[in-house]
Amino acid sequence: MTREVGEVANDTDDRLGDLELLAGNLRRAIVAVLSHAIRRQHLPGAFTFDSALWDRLRDLDGDGACSAVSNEIEQVQALLRRGGAE
């Protein structure tokens, strides 16, 4: 029972597509975890700043991801400052 070359090629293409989808999902999950870890480092009392996290985030998702996280950090810090001033 031999499978035709076309069937094997189609199966391979399907599996490759599945792997690409899984890799994309994994990349997005890692970016989310890195972003969360970076934001947590900038909360009061968090003295474990690690610039390597920024490097990994930039490697995975580019400067735009780093910029988005920076903006979120600035917004949270501004809210905390306003809350502390009241």
Protein backbone atom coordinates (compact mmCIF):
# COMPACT_ATOMS: atom_id res chain seq x y z
CA MET A 1 0.00 0.00 0.00
CA THR A 2 1.88 2.98 -1.21
CA ARG A 3 0.55 6.43 -0.90
CA GLU A 4 0.78 8.65 -3.84
CA VAL A 5 3.37 11.39 -3.81
CA GLY A 6 0.65 14.02 -3.98
CA GLU A 7 -1.00 12.73 -0.82
CA VAL A 8 2.29 12.76 1.07
CA ALA A 9 3.02 16.29 -0.14
CA ASN A 10 -0.45 17.45 0.94
CA ASP A 11 -0.02 15.87 4.38
CA THR A 12 3.37 17.53 4.72
CA ASP A 13 1.94 20.90 3.70
CA ASP A 14 -0.91 20.50 6.20
CA ARG A 15 1.49 19.64 9.00
CA LEU A 16 3.77 22.51 8.10
CA GLY A 17 0.78 24.87 8.18
CA ASP A 18 -0.19 23.53 11.60
CA LEU A 19 3.36 24.03 12.88
CA GLU A 20 3.44 27.59 11.54
CA LEU A 21 0.14 28.34 13.27
CA LEU A 22 1.40 26.86 16.54
CA ALA A 23 4.67 28.80 16.25
CA GLY A 24 2.73 32.04 15.72
CA ASN A 25 0.53 31.33 18.72
CA LEU A 26 3.56 30.51 20.85
CA ARG A 27 5.32 33.71 19.75
CA ARG A 28 2.27 35.80 20.71
CA ALA A 29 2.08 34.06 24.09
CA ILE A 30 5.75 34.71 24.78
CA VAL A 31 5.34 38.37 23.79
CA ALA A 32 2.40 38.65 26.21
CA VAL A 33 4.39 37.08 29.05
CA LEU A 34 7.42 39.29 28.39
CA SER A 35 5.24 42.39 28.21
CA HIS A 36 3.58 41.50 31.50
CA ALA A 37 6.92 40.83 33.19
CA ILE A 38 8.32 44.15 31.99
CA ARG A 39 5.27 46.08 33.19
CA ARG A 40 5.48 44.36 36.60
CA GLN A 41 9.10 45.48 36.96
CA HIS A 42 7.99 49.09 36.80
CA LEU A 43 5.47 48.91 39.62
CA PRO A 44 6.41 50.40 42.98
CA GLY A 45 8.51 48.03 45.01
CA ALA A 46 9.71 46.05 42.01
CA PHE A 47 13.47 46.42 41.97
CA THR A 48 14.26 43.56 39.62
CA PHE A 49 14.62 45.45 36.36
CA ASP A 50 16.03 43.22 33.64
CA SER A 51 16.89 44.86 30.33
CA ALA A 52 17.25 41.43 28.70
CA LEU A 53 13.45 41.17 28.75
CA TRP A 54 13.26 44.29 26.61
CA ASP A 55 15.80 42.77 24.21
CA ARG A 56 13.80 39.55 23.88
CA LEU A 57 10.57 41.47 23.37
CA ARG A 58 12.21 43.59 20.67
CA ASP A 59 13.61 40.45 19.00
CA LEU A 60 10.21 38.76 18.96
CA ASP A 61 7.87 41.61 18.17
CA GLY A 62 9.93 44.65 17.19
CA ASP A 63 10.19 48.19 18.42
CA GLY A 64 6.43 48.67 18.24
CA ALA A 65 5.89 46.15 21.02
CA CYS A 66 8.48 47.87 23.21
CA SER A 67 6.86 51.22 22.52
CA ALA A 68 3.41 49.89 23.42
CA VAL A 69 4.69 48.48 26.72
CA SER A 70 6.54 51.74 27.48
CA ASN A 71 3.34 53.71 26.90
CA GLU A 72 1.39 51.41 29.22
CA ILE A 73 4.07 51.76 31.90
CA GLU A 74 3.99 55.56 31.63
CA GLN A 75 0.19 55.59 31.91
CA VAL A 76 0.23 53.38 35.01
CA GLN A 77 2.98 55.42 36.63
CA ALA A 78 1.04 58.63 35.96
CA LEU A 79 -2.08 57.10 37.53
CA LEU A 80 -0.08 55.98 40.56
CA ARG A 81 1.45 59.47 40.95
CA ARG A 82 -1.99 61.08 40.74
CA GLY A 83 -3.37 58.58 43.24
CA GLY A 84 -0.50 59.29 45.64
CA ALA A 85 -1.00 63.05 45.34
CA GLU A 86 -4.63 62.91 46.44
